[in-house]
Protein backbone atom coordinates (compact mmCIF):
# COMPACT_ATOMS: atom_id res chain seq x y z
CA UNK A 1 6.03 2.02 2.77
CA UNK A 2 3.76 -0.27 4.68
CA UNK A 3 0.65 1.60 3.51
CA UNK A 4 2.12 1.30 -0.45
CA UNK A 5 2.33 -2.52 -0.10
CA UNK A 6 -1.12 -2.72 1.63
CA UNK A 7 -2.71 -0.88 -1.29
CA UNK A 8 -1.27 -2.87 -3.95
CA UNK A 9 -2.28 -6.18 -2.44
CA UNK A 10 -5.75 -5.03 -1.73
CA UNK A 11 -5.89 -3.81 -5.32
CA UNK A 12 -4.86 -7.09 -6.61
CA UNK A 13 -7.22 -9.09 -4.10
CA UNK A 14 -10.38 -6.85 -5.16
CA UNK A 15 -9.41 -7.51 -8.68
CA UNK A 16 -9.29 -11.23 -8.20
CA UNK A 17 -12.85 -10.92 -6.42
CA UNK A 18 -14.55 -8.48 -9.04
CA UNK A 19 -13.22 -11.45 -11.68
CA UNK A 20 -14.85 -14.07 -9.64
CA UNK A 21 -17.83 -11.82 -9.99
CA UNK A 22 -17.72 -10.92 -13.42
CA UNK A 23 -18.11 -7.11 -12.36
CA UNK A 24 -16.17 -4.51 -14.34
CA UNK A 25 -14.37 -2.06 -11.92
CA UNK A 26 -11.89 0.37 -11.56
CA UNK A 27 -8.69 0.41 -9.71
CA UNK A 28 -10.20 2.67 -6.87
CA UNK A 29 -13.23 0.13 -6.53
CA UNK A 30 -11.22 -2.71 -6.23
CA UNK A 31 -9.07 -1.32 -3.25
CA UNK A 32 -12.44 -0.43 -1.57
CA UNK A 33 -13.90 -4.01 -2.36
CA UNK A 34 -10.99 -5.67 -0.73
CA UNK A 35 -10.61 -2.86 2.18
CA UNK A 36 -14.38 -3.30 3.26
CA UNK A 37 -14.18 -7.16 2.26
CA UNK A 38 -11.08 -7.49 4.78
CA UNK A 39 -13.00 -5.69 7.41
CA UNK A 40 -16.33 -8.18 6.88
CA UNK A 41 -13.94 -11.11 6.71
CA UNK A 42 -12.42 -9.44 10.07
CA UNK A 43 -15.87 -9.46 11.72
CA UNK A 44 -17.24 -12.72 10.41
CA UNK A 45 -15.03 -15.29 8.94
CA UNK A 46 -11.71 -14.72 11.24
CA UNK A 47 -13.21 -16.58 13.96
CA UNK A 48 -14.58 -19.42 11.79
CA UNK A 49 -11.26 -19.91 10.39
CA UNK A 50 -9.29 -18.53 13.28
CA UNK A 51 -7.19 -16.79 10.64
CA UNK A 52 -6.96 -12.56 10.38
CA UNK A 53 -7.00 -10.90 7.43
CA UNK A 54 -4.39 -8.17 5.48
CA UNK A 55 -5.36 -5.69 8.19
CA UNK A 56 -3.37 -7.95 10.59
CA UNK A 57 -0.57 -9.63 8.15
CA UNK A 58 -0.20 -10.42 4.47
CA UNK A 59 0.20 -14.25 4.31
CA UNK A 60 -1.57 -16.28 2.15
CA UNK A 61 -4.38 -17.57 4.39
CA UNK A 62 -5.05 -13.83 5.20
CA UNK A 63 -5.11 -12.87 1.75
CA UNK A 64 -7.81 -16.03 1.10
CA UNK A 65 -10.06 -14.68 4.05
CA UNK A 66 -9.70 -11.33 2.57
CA UNK A 67 -10.82 -12.51 -0.69
CA UNK A 68 -13.34 -14.77 0.43
CA UNK A 69 -14.83 -11.59 2.44
CA UNK A 70 -14.32 -9.62 -0.53
CA UNK A 71 -16.51 -11.92 -2.97
CA UNK A 72 -19.21 -11.70 -0.11
CA UNK A 73 -19.27 -8.46 -0.08
CA UNK A 74 -19.66 -8.32 -4.07
CA UNK A 75 -22.45 -10.76 -3.45
CA UNK A 76 -24.42 -8.36 -1.12
CA UNK A 77 -23.81 -5.51 -3.69
CA UNK A 78 -25.34 -7.37 -6.54
CA UNK A 79 -28.42 -8.61 -4.26
CA UNK A 80 -28.76 -4.90 -3.69
CA UNK A 81 -28.37 -3.84 -7.31
CA UNK A 82 -31.01 -6.44 -8.42
CA UNK A 83 -33.31 -5.36 -6.00
CA UNK A 84 -33.75 -2.06 -7.78
C-alpha cells in the first residue's frame, strides 16, 4: 500500500514539475522525473533546507523539496536537449 501512495504522490509532483516547465509528458515520465528529482533533492537540497524528500516521509515540506529537485532536473534535461 505504501508503494502505491508513493507512486501517486510522485506522479502528482512530476505532473506539477512538468507543468511548471511547460513540458508535455506522460504519466510514466512524470513518475520518473519525481523519483529522480527526489534523489537529486536528497543529495543536494536536503542538507541546505534540512528537510527530507518524499523518500523519507510524505509531508508538505518534503513534497516541496522534491518538487524543487524535479524542476532542477527538468532544467538540466532542457539544457542537454538544447545543446544537441
